[in-house]
């Protein structure tokens, strides 16, 4: 895993634990592909919207809202990939 990818994942998990009060014990690699709105994390749609806004602010990116509708913004790994792709597009 690249340093950049790890830094993004760390930032996402920090938002989840500090702002959305997700149990830190749930933050491990085996859960990174679990839906944030599913049984493991149990976030509500409002929590996901808050996470979306925090991600855009913290990473200074604009993520197309269709990514939420297509469930691309619903796992830690999915959000990480969206940020990486969005950053790459903004650099080109």
PDB file of N, CA and C in Angstrom:
ATOM      1  N   UNK A   1       0.858  -1.178   0.000  1.00  0.00           N
ATOM      2  CA  UNK A   1       0.000   0.000   0.000  1.00  0.00           C
ATOM      3  C   UNK A   1       0.903   1.239   0.000  1.00  0.00           C
ATOM      4  N   UNK A   2       0.530   2.199  -0.813  1.00  0.00           N
ATOM      5  CA  UNK A   2       1.324   3.423  -0.889  1.00  0.00           C
ATOM      6  C   UNK A   2       1.103   4.289   0.349  1.00  0.00           C
ATOM      7  N   UNK A   3       2.066   5.159   0.582  1.00  0.00           N
ATOM      8  CA  UNK A   3       1.953   6.103   1.697  1.00  0.00           C
ATOM      9  C   UNK A   3       0.723   6.991   1.558  1.00  0.00           C
ATOM     10  N   UNK A   4       0.490   7.473   0.323  1.00  0.00           N
ATOM     11  CA  UNK A   4      -0.655   8.354   0.077  1.00  0.00           C
ATOM     12  C   UNK A   4      -1.964   7.648   0.405  1.00  0.00           C
ATOM     13  N   UNK A   5      -2.081   6.401  -0.055  1.00  0.00           N
ATOM     14  CA  UNK A   5      -3.307   5.641   0.201  1.00  0.00           C
ATOM     15  C   UNK A   5      -3.493   5.416   1.699  1.00  0.00           C
ATOM     16  N   UNK A   6      -2.421   5.095   2.404  1.00  0.00           N
ATOM     17  CA  UNK A   6      -2.510   4.879   3.845  1.00  0.00           C
ATOM     18  C   UNK A   6      -2.901   6.165   4.571  1.00  0.00           C
ATOM     19  N   UNK A   7      -2.350   7.292   4.134  1.00  0.00           N
ATOM     20  CA  UNK A   7      -2.696   8.581   4.741  1.00  0.00           C
ATOM     21  C   UNK A   7      -4.174   8.911   4.550  1.00  0.00           C
ATOM     22  N   UNK A   8      -4.702   8.601   3.366  1.00  0.00           N
ATOM     23  CA  UNK A   8      -6.125   8.838   3.100  1.00  0.00           C
ATOM     24  C   UNK A   8      -6.983   7.955   3.994  1.00  0.00           C
ATOM     25  N   UNK A   9      -6.619   6.675   4.085  1.00  0.00           N
ATOM     26  CA  UNK A   9      -7.384   5.754   4.937  1.00  0.00           C
ATOM     27  C   UNK A   9      -7.339   6.192   6.398  1.00  0.00           C
ATOM     28  N   UNK A  10      -6.181   6.644   6.843  1.00  0.00           N
ATOM     29  CA  UNK A  10      -6.055   7.124   8.222  1.00  0.00           C
ATOM     30  C   UNK A  10      -6.961   8.333   8.466  1.00  0.00           C
ATOM     31  N   UNK A  11      -7.008   9.237   7.502  1.00  0.00           N
ATOM     32  CA  UNK A  11      -7.859  10.422   7.643  1.00  0.00           C
ATOM     33  C   UNK A  11      -9.343  10.034   7.680  1.00  0.00           C
ATOM     34  N   UNK A  12      -9.737   9.104   6.813  1.00  0.00           N
ATOM     35  CA  UNK A  12     -11.135   8.643   6.786  1.00  0.00           C
ATOM     36  C   UNK A  12     -11.495   7.995   8.116  1.00  0.00           C
ATOM     37  N   UNK A  13     -10.650   7.109   8.598  1.00  0.00           N
ATOM     38  CA  UNK A  13     -10.949   6.425   9.857  1.00  0.00           C
ATOM     39  C   UNK A  13     -10.939   7.398  11.029  1.00  0.00           C
ATOM     40  N   UNK A  14     -10.111   8.428  10.949  1.00  0.00           N
ATOM     41  CA  UNK A  14     -10.114   9.449  12.002  1.00  0.00           C
ATOM     42  C   UNK A  14     -11.447  10.199  12.022  1.00  0.00           C
ATOM     43  N   UNK A  15     -11.967  10.542  10.848  1.00  0.00           N
ATOM     44  CA  UNK A  15     -13.278  11.204  10.781  1.00  0.00           C
ATOM     45  C   UNK A  15     -14.356  10.281  11.349  1.00  0.00           C
ATOM     46  N   UNK A  16     -14.297   9.013  10.973  1.00  0.00           N
ATOM     47  CA  UNK A  16     -15.298   8.055  11.440  1.00  0.00           C
ATOM     48  C   UNK A  16     -15.290   7.926  12.961  1.00  0.00           C
ATOM     49  N   UNK A  17     -14.109   7.855  13.550  1.00  0.00           N
ATOM     50  CA  UNK A  17     -14.041   7.648  15.004  1.00  0.00           C
ATOM     51  C   UNK A  17     -14.236   8.938  15.794  1.00  0.00           C
ATOM     52  N   UNK A  18     -13.667  10.034  15.316  1.00  0.00           N
ATOM     53  CA  UNK A  18     -13.737  11.262  16.109  1.00  0.00           C
ATOM     54  C   UNK A  18     -15.017  12.057  15.890  1.00  0.00           C
ATOM     55  N   UNK A  19     -15.505  12.105  14.678  1.00  0.00           N
ATOM     56  CA  UNK A  19     -16.681  12.939  14.389  1.00  0.00           C
ATOM     57  C   UNK A  19     -17.982  12.134  14.367  1.00  0.00           C
ATOM     58  N   UNK A  20     -17.906  10.884  13.904  1.00  0.00           N
ATOM     59  CA  UNK A  20     -19.124  10.074  13.807  1.00  0.00           C
ATOM     60  C   UNK A  20     -19.213   9.010  14.902  1.00  0.00           C
ATOM     61  N   UNK A  21     -18.231   9.022  15.788  1.00  0.00           N
ATOM     62  CA  UNK A  21     -18.216   8.155  16.973  1.00  0.00           C
ATOM     63  C   UNK A  21     -18.334   6.655  16.663  1.00  0.00           C
ATOM     64  N   UNK A  22     -17.714   6.241  15.540  1.00  0.00           N
ATOM     65  CA  UNK A  22     -17.640   4.817  15.219  1.00  0.00           C
ATOM     66  C   UNK A  22     -16.671   4.169  16.207  1.00  0.00           C
ATOM     67  N   UNK A  23     -17.018   3.005  16.692  1.00  0.00           N
ATOM     68  CA  UNK A  23     -16.171   2.265  17.619  1.00  0.00           C
ATOM     69  C   UNK A  23     -14.809   1.991  16.963  1.00  0.00           C
ATOM     70  N   UNK A  24     -13.710   2.450  17.557  1.00  0.00           N
ATOM     71  CA  UNK A  24     -12.384   2.239  16.967  1.00  0.00           C
ATOM     72  C   UNK A  24     -12.031   0.769  16.762  1.00  0.00           C
ATOM     73  N   UNK A  25     -12.632  -0.126  17.539  1.00  0.00           N
ATOM     74  CA  UNK A  25     -12.367  -1.556  17.381  1.00  0.00           C
ATOM     75  C   UNK A  25     -12.865  -2.085  16.030  1.00  0.00           C
ATOM     76  N   UNK A  26     -13.801  -1.366  15.412  1.00  0.00           N
ATOM     77  CA  UNK A  26     -14.325  -1.779  14.107  1.00  0.00           C
ATOM     78  C   UNK A  26     -13.412  -1.353  12.957  1.00  0.00           C
ATOM     79  N   UNK A  27     -12.490  -0.450  13.242  1.00  0.00           N
ATOM     80  CA  UNK A  27     -11.616   0.085  12.204  1.00  0.00           C
ATOM     81  C   UNK A  27     -10.429  -0.851  12.034  1.00  0.00           C
ATOM     82  N   UNK A  28     -10.584  -1.810  11.135  1.00  0.00           N
ATOM     83  CA  UNK A  28      -9.497  -2.717  10.784  1.00  0.00           C
ATOM     84  C   UNK A  28      -9.687  -3.154   9.335  1.00  0.00           C
ATOM     85  N   UNK A  29      -8.621  -3.626   8.738  1.00  0.00           N
ATOM     86  CA  UNK A  29      -8.644  -3.918   7.302  1.00  0.00           C
ATOM     87  C   UNK A  29      -9.727  -4.899   6.891  1.00  0.00           C
ATOM     88  N   UNK A  30     -10.093  -5.810   7.751  1.00  0.00           N
ATOM     89  CA  UNK A  30     -11.121  -6.785   7.372  1.00  0.00           C
ATOM     90  C   UNK A  30     -12.494  -6.134   7.203  1.00  0.00           C
ATOM     91  N   UNK A  31     -12.675  -4.935   7.757  1.00  0.00           N
ATOM     92  CA  UNK A  31     -13.950  -4.220   7.624  1.00  0.00           C
ATOM     93  C   UNK A  31     -13.925  -3.116   6.566  1.00  0.00           C
ATOM     94  N   UNK A  32     -12.807  -2.912   5.901  1.00  0.00           N
ATOM     95  CA  UNK A  32     -12.689  -1.806   4.951  1.00  0.00           C
ATOM     96  C   UNK A  32     -13.584  -1.948   3.724  1.00  0.00           C
ATOM     97  N   UNK A  33     -14.087  -3.148   3.456  1.00  0.00           N
ATOM     98  CA  UNK A  33     -15.007  -3.334   2.332  1.00  0.00           C
ATOM     99  C   UNK A  33     -16.455  -3.508   2.784  1.00  0.00           C
ATOM    100  N   UNK A  34     -16.697  -3.420   4.078  1.00  0.00           N
ATOM    101  CA  UNK A  34     -18.068  -3.494   4.595  1.00  0.00           C
ATOM    102  C   UNK A  34     -18.765  -2.153   4.389  1.00  0.00           C
ATOM    103  N   UNK A  35     -20.033  -2.217   4.048  1.00  0.00           N
ATOM    104  CA  UNK A  35     -20.819  -1.001   3.843  1.00  0.00           C
ATOM    105  C   UNK A  35     -20.894  -0.209   5.142  1.00  0.00           C
ATOM    106  N   UNK A  36     -20.614   1.081   5.037  1.00  0.00           N
ATOM    107  CA  UNK A  36     -20.677   1.942   6.217  1.00  0.00           C
ATOM    108  C   UNK A  36     -22.096   2.039   6.768  1.00  0.00           C
ATOM    109  N   UNK A  37     -23.083   1.811   5.913  1.00  0.00           N
ATOM    110  CA  UNK A  37     -24.481   1.844   6.345  1.00  0.00           C
ATOM    111  C   UNK A  37     -25.000   0.455   6.711  1.00  0.00           C
ATOM    112  N   UNK A  38     -24.129  -0.530   6.714  1.00  0.00           N
ATOM    113  CA  UNK A  38     -24.524  -1.903   7.005  1.00  0.00           C
ATOM    114  C   UNK A  38     -24.463  -2.238   8.487  1.00  0.00           C
ATOM    115  N   UNK A  39     -24.513  -3.535   8.784  1.00  0.00           N
ATOM    116  CA  UNK A  39     -24.581  -4.011  10.162  1.00  0.00           C
ATOM    117  C   UNK A  39     -23.329  -3.692  10.977  1.00  0.00           C
ATOM    118  N   UNK A  40     -22.169  -3.737  10.355  1.00  0.00           N
ATOM    119  CA  UNK A  40     -20.931  -3.543  11.112  1.00  0.00           C
ATOM    120  C   UNK A  40     -20.804  -2.115  11.636  1.00  0.00           C
ATOM    121  N   UNK A  41     -20.908  -1.133  10.734  1.00  0.00           N
ATOM    122  CA  UNK A  41     -20.709   0.259  11.137  1.00  0.00           C
ATOM    123  C   UNK A  41     -22.009   0.945  11.548  1.00  0.00           C
ATOM    124  N   UNK A  42     -23.101   0.624  10.893  1.00  0.00           N
ATOM    125  CA  UNK A  42     -24.418   1.129  11.268  1.00  0.00           C
ATOM    126  C   UNK A  42     -24.638   2.621  11.088  1.00  0.00           C
ATOM    127  N   UNK A  43     -23.937   3.233  10.128  1.00  0.00           N
ATOM    128  CA  UNK A  43     -24.156   4.662   9.900  1.00  0.00           C
ATOM    129  C   UNK A  43     -25.506   4.897   9.231  1.00  0.00           C
ATOM    130  N   UNK A  44     -26.108   6.023   9.536  1.00  0.00           N
ATOM    131  CA  UNK A  44     -27.361   6.431   8.902  1.00  0.00           C
ATOM    132  C   UNK A  44     -27.036   7.244   7.659  1.00  0.00           C
ATOM    133  N   UNK A  45     -28.018   7.501   6.839  1.00  0.00           N
ATOM    134  CA  UNK A  45     -27.792   8.284   5.623  1.00  0.00           C
ATOM    135  C   UNK A  45     -27.300   9.690   5.956  1.00  0.00           C
ATOM    136  N   UNK A  46     -27.784  10.257   7.049  1.00  0.00           N
ATOM    137  CA  UNK A  46     -27.317  11.579   7.475  1.00  0.00           C
ATOM    138  C   UNK A  46     -25.836  11.540   7.857  1.00  0.00           C
ATOM    139  N   UNK A  47     -25.412  10.464   8.512  1.00  0.00           N
ATOM    140  CA  UNK A  47     -23.988  10.296   8.851  1.00  0.00           C
ATOM    141  C   UNK A  47     -23.138  10.233   7.592  1.00  0.00           C
ATOM    142  N   UNK A  48     -23.629   9.512   6.602  1.00  0.00           N
ATOM    143  CA  UNK A  48     -22.895   9.371   5.342  1.00  0.00           C
ATOM    144  C   UNK A  48     -22.782  10.715   4.628  1.00  0.00           C
ATOM    145  N   UNK A  49     -23.824  11.517   4.706  1.00  0.00           N
ATOM    146  CA  UNK A  49     -23.784  12.848   4.103  1.00  0.00           C
ATOM    147  C   UNK A  49     -22.772  13.724   4.829  1.00  0.00           C
ATOM    148  N   UNK A  50     -22.756  13.649   6.137  1.00  0.00           N
ATOM    149  CA  UNK A  50     -21.774  14.399   6.919  1.00  0.00           C
ATOM    150  C   UNK A  50     -20.355  13.955   6.547  1.00  0.00           C
ATOM    151  N   UNK A  51     -20.154  12.648   6.424  1.00  0.00           N
ATOM    152  CA  UNK A  51     -18.852  12.115   6.023  1.00  0.00           C
ATOM    153  C   UNK A  51     -18.455  12.639   4.651  1.00  0.00           C
ATOM    154  N   UNK A  52     -19.405  12.652   3.733  1.00  0.00           N
ATOM    155  CA  UNK A  52     -19.181  13.161   2.378  1.00  0.00           C
ATOM    156  C   UNK A  52     -18.676  14.605   2.423  1.00  0.00           C
ATOM    157  N   UNK A  53     -19.352  15.446   3.187  1.00  0.00           N
ATOM    158  CA  UNK A  53     -18.965  16.862   3.292  1.00  0.00           C
ATOM    159  C   UNK A  53     -17.602  17.018   3.961  1.00  0.00           C
ATOM    160  N   UNK A  54     -17.329  16.227   4.981  1.00  0.00           N
ATOM    161  CA  UNK A  54     -16.038  16.283   5.663  1.00  0.00           C
ATOM    162  C   UNK A  54     -14.899  15.847   4.735  1.00  0.00           C
ATOM    163  N   UNK A  55     -15.151  14.818   3.941  1.00  0.00           N
ATOM    164  CA  UNK A  55     -14.140  14.336   2.990  1.00  0.00           C
ATOM    165  C   UNK A  55     -13.834  15.416   1.963  1.00  0.00           C
ATOM    166  N   UNK A  56     -14.876  16.025   1.405  1.00  0.00           N
ATOM    167  CA  UNK A  56     -14.653  17.086   0.418  1.00  0.00           C
ATOM    168  C   UNK A  56     -13.859  18.244   1.025  1.00  0.00           C
ATOM    169  N   UNK A  57     -14.188  18.602   2.246  1.00  0.00           N
ATOM    170  CA  UNK A  57     -13.510  19.717   2.904  1.00  0.00           C
ATOM    171  C   UNK A  57     -12.053  19.366   3.230  1.00  0.00           C
ATOM    172  N   UNK A  58     -11.849  18.224   3.837  1.00  0.00           N
ATOM    173  CA  UNK A  58     -10.516  17.852   4.287  1.00  0.00           C
ATOM    174  C   UNK A  58      -9.547  17.615   3.131  1.00  0.00           C
ATOM    175  N   UNK A  59     -10.042  17.010   2.053  1.00  0.00           N
ATOM    176  CA  UNK A  59      -9.165  16.689   0.924  1.00  0.00           C
ATOM    177  C   UNK A  59      -9.244  17.717  -0.196  1.00  0.00           C
ATOM    178  N   UNK A  60     -10.085  18.731  -0.003  1.00  0.00           N
ATOM    179  CA  UNK A  60     -10.252  19.777  -1.007  1.00  0.00           C
ATOM    180  C   UNK A  60     -10.549  19.177  -2.392  1.00  0.00           C
ATOM    181  N   UNK A  61     -11.539  18.279  -2.413  1.00  0.00           N
ATOM    182  CA  UNK A  61     -11.959  17.616  -3.652  1.00  0.00           C
ATOM    183  C   UNK A  61     -13.462  17.769  -3.816  1.00  0.00           C
ATOM    184  N   UNK A  62     -13.914  17.586  -5.021  1.00  0.00           N
ATOM    185  CA  UNK A  62     -15.347  17.540  -5.325  1.00  0.00           C
ATOM    186  C   UNK A  62     -15.645  16.152  -5.863  1.00  0.00           C
ATOM    187  N   UNK A  63     -16.470  15.427  -5.135  1.00  0.00           N
ATOM    188  CA  UNK A  63     -16.853  14.080  -5.553  1.00  0.00           C
ATOM    189  C   UNK A  63     -18.256  14.158  -6.124  1.00  0.00           C
ATOM    190  N   UNK A  64     -18.431  13.636  -7.313  1.00  0.00           N
ATOM    191  CA  UNK A  64     -19.724  13.631  -7.985  1.00  0.00           C
ATOM    192  C   UNK A  64     -20.740  12.890  -7.115  1.00  0.00           C
ATOM    193  N   UNK A  65     -21.867  13.514  -6.845  1.00  0.00           N
ATOM    194  CA  UNK A  65     -22.883  12.905  -5.978  1.00  0.00           C
ATOM    195  C   UNK A  65     -23.438  11.597  -6.549  1.00  0.00           C
ATOM    196  N   UNK A  66     -23.263  11.372  -7.843  1.00  0.00           N
ATOM    197  CA  UNK A  66     -23.709  10.098  -8.417  1.00  0.00           C
ATOM    198  C   UNK A  66     -22.928   8.934  -7.817  1.00  0.00           C
ATOM    199  N   UNK A  67     -21.752   9.210  -7.278  1.00  0.00           N
ATOM    200  CA  UNK A  67     -20.940   8.156  -6.649  1.00  0.00           C
ATOM    201  C   UNK A  67     -21.643   7.617  -5.404  1.00  0.00           C
ATOM    202  N   UNK A  68     -22.418   8.461  -4.743  1.00  0.00           N
ATOM    203  CA  UNK A  68     -23.201   7.986  -3.594  1.00  0.00           C
ATOM    204  C   UNK A  68     -24.333   7.091  -4.084  1.00  0.00           C
ATOM    205  N   UNK A  69     -25.015   7.531  -5.119  1.00  0.00           N
ATOM    206  CA  UNK A  69     -26.136   6.754  -5.658  1.00  0.00           C
ATOM    207  C   UNK A  69     -25.688   5.405  -6.199  1.00  0.00           C
ATOM    208  N   UNK A  70     -24.448   5.324  -6.682  1.00  0.00           N
ATOM    209  CA  UNK A  70     -23.906   4.074  -7.224  1.00  0.00           C
ATOM    210  C   UNK A  70     -23.170   3.255  -6.169  1.00  0.00           C
ATOM    211  N   UNK A  71     -23.316   3.625  -4.908  1.00  0.00           N
ATOM    212  CA  UNK A  71     -22.696   2.930  -3.775  1.00  0.00           C
ATOM    213  C   UNK A  71     -21.171   2.882  -3.847  1.00  0.00           C
ATOM    214  N   UNK A  72     -20.559   3.844  -4.532  1.00  0.00           N
ATOM    215  CA  UNK A  72     -19.105   3.916  -4.574  1.00  0.00           C
ATOM    216  C   UNK A  72     -18.569   4.642  -3.349  1.00  0.00           C
ATOM    217  N   UNK A  73     -19.420   5.369  -2.661  1.00  0.00           N
ATOM    218  CA  UNK A  73     -19.047   6.114  -1.459  1.00  0.00           C
ATOM    219  C   UNK A  73     -19.703   5.442  -0.252  1.00  0.00           C
ATOM    220  N   UNK A  74     -19.429   4.147  -0.067  1.00  0.00           N
ATOM    221  CA  UNK A  74     -20.101   3.443   1.018  1.00  0.00           C
ATOM    222  C   UNK A  74     -19.189   2.480   1.770  1.00  0.00           C
ATOM    223  N   UNK A  75     -17.906   2.456   1.430  1.00  0.00           N
ATOM    224  CA  UNK A  75     -16.932   1.655   2.172  1.00  0.00           C
ATOM    225  C   UNK A  75     -15.671   2.483   2.335  1.00  0.00           C
ATOM    226  N   UNK A  76     -14.856   2.112   3.283  1.00  0.00           N
ATOM    227  CA  UNK A  76     -13.589   2.833   3.476  1.00  0.00           C
ATOM    228  C   UNK A  76     -12.722   2.689   2.237  1.00  0.00           C
ATOM    229  N   UNK A  77     -12.637   1.477   1.678  1.00  0.00           N
ATOM    230  CA  UNK A  77     -11.850   1.283   0.459  1.00  0.00           C
ATOM    231  C   UNK A  77     -12.437   2.058  -0.721  1.00  0.00           C
ATOM    232  N   UNK A  78     -13.747   2.068  -0.839  1.00  0.00           N
ATOM    233  CA  UNK A  78     -14.399   2.786  -1.941  1.00  0.00           C
ATOM    234  C   UNK A  78     -14.144   4.289  -1.866  1.00  0.00           C
ATOM    235  N   UNK A  79     -14.245   4.838  -0.685  1.00  0.00           N
ATOM    236  CA  UNK A  79     -14.007   6.275  -0.505  1.00  0.00           C
ATOM    237  C   UNK A  79     -12.548   6.604  -0.797  1.00  0.00           C
ATOM    238  N   UNK A  80     -11.654   5.745  -0.343  1.00  0.00           N
ATOM    239  CA  UNK A  80     -10.224   5.947  -0.607  1.00  0.00           C
ATOM    240  C   UNK A  80      -9.956   5.996  -2.103  1.00  0.00           C
ATOM    241  N   UNK A  81     -10.528   5.058  -2.842  1.00  0.00           N
ATOM    242  CA  UNK A  81     -10.319   5.023  -4.302  1.00  0.00           C
ATOM    243  C   UNK A  81     -10.919   6.259  -4.973  1.00  0.00           C
ATOM    244  N   UNK A  82     -12.077   6.694  -4.519  1.00  0.00           N
ATOM    245  CA  UNK A  82     -12.676   7.905  -5.084  1.00  0.00           C
ATOM    246  C   UNK A  82     -11.775   9.118  -4.872  1.00  0.00           C
ATOM    247  N   UNK A  83     -11.210   9.235  -3.690  1.00  0.00           N
ATOM    248  CA  UNK A  83     -10.317  10.365  -3.405  1.00  0.00           C
ATOM    249  C   UNK A  83      -9.076  10.288  -4.283  1.00  0.00           C
ATOM    250  N   UNK A  84      -8.496   9.093  -4.389  1.00  0.00           N
ATOM    251  CA  UNK A  84      -7.307   8.930  -5.228  1.00  0.00           C
ATOM    252  C   UNK A  84      -7.608   9.287  -6.687  1.00  0.00           C
ATOM    253  N   UNK A  85      -8.754   8.847  -7.205  1.00  0.00           N
ATOM    254  CA  UNK A  85      -9.131   9.142  -8.588  1.00  0.00           C
ATOM    255  C   UNK A  85      -9.437  10.623  -8.780  1.00  0.00           C
ATOM    256  N   UNK A  86     -10.102  11.221  -7.808  1.00  0.00           N
ATOM    257  CA  UNK A  86     -10.455  12.635  -7.890  1.00  0.00           C
ATOM    258  C   UNK A  86      -9.202  13.491  -7.851  1.00  0.00           C
ATOM    259  N   UNK A  87      -8.240  13.135  -6.989  1.00  0.00           N
ATOM    260  CA  UNK A  87      -6.979  13.879  -6.910  1.00  0.00           C
ATOM    261  C   UNK A  87      -6.199  13.751  -8.210  1.00  0.00           C
ATOM    262  N   UNK A  88      -6.211  12.547  -8.791  1.00  0.00           N
ATOM    263  CA  UNK A  88      -5.486  12.336 -10.046  1.00  0.00           C
ATOM    264  C   UNK A  88      -6.090  13.168 -11.163  1.00  0.00           C
ATOM    265  N   UNK A  89      -7.416  13.262 -11.220  1.00  0.00           N
ATOM    266  CA  UNK A  89      -8.083  14.044 -12.249  1.00  0.00           C
ATOM    267  C   UNK A  89      -7.804  15.532 -12.086  1.00  0.00           C
ATOM    268  N   UNK A  90      -7.749  15.992 -10.835  1.00  0.00           N
ATOM    269  CA  UNK A  90      -7.531  17.416 -10.612  1.00  0.00           C
ATOM    270  C   UNK A  90      -6.082  17.813 -10.917  1.00  0.00           C
ATOM    271  N   UNK A  91      -5.162  16.850 -10.905  1.00  0.00           N
ATOM    272  CA  UNK A  91      -3.775  17.136 -11.223  1.00  0.00           C
ATOM    273  C   UNK A  91      -3.522  17.172 -12.717  1.00  0.00           C
ATOM    274  N   UNK A  92      -4.395  16.518 -13.498  1.00  0.00           N
ATOM    275  CA  UNK A  92      -4.159  16.473 -14.943  1.00  0.00           C
ATOM    276  C   UNK A  92      -4.768  17.634 -15.682  1.00  0.00           C
TER     277      UNK A  92
END
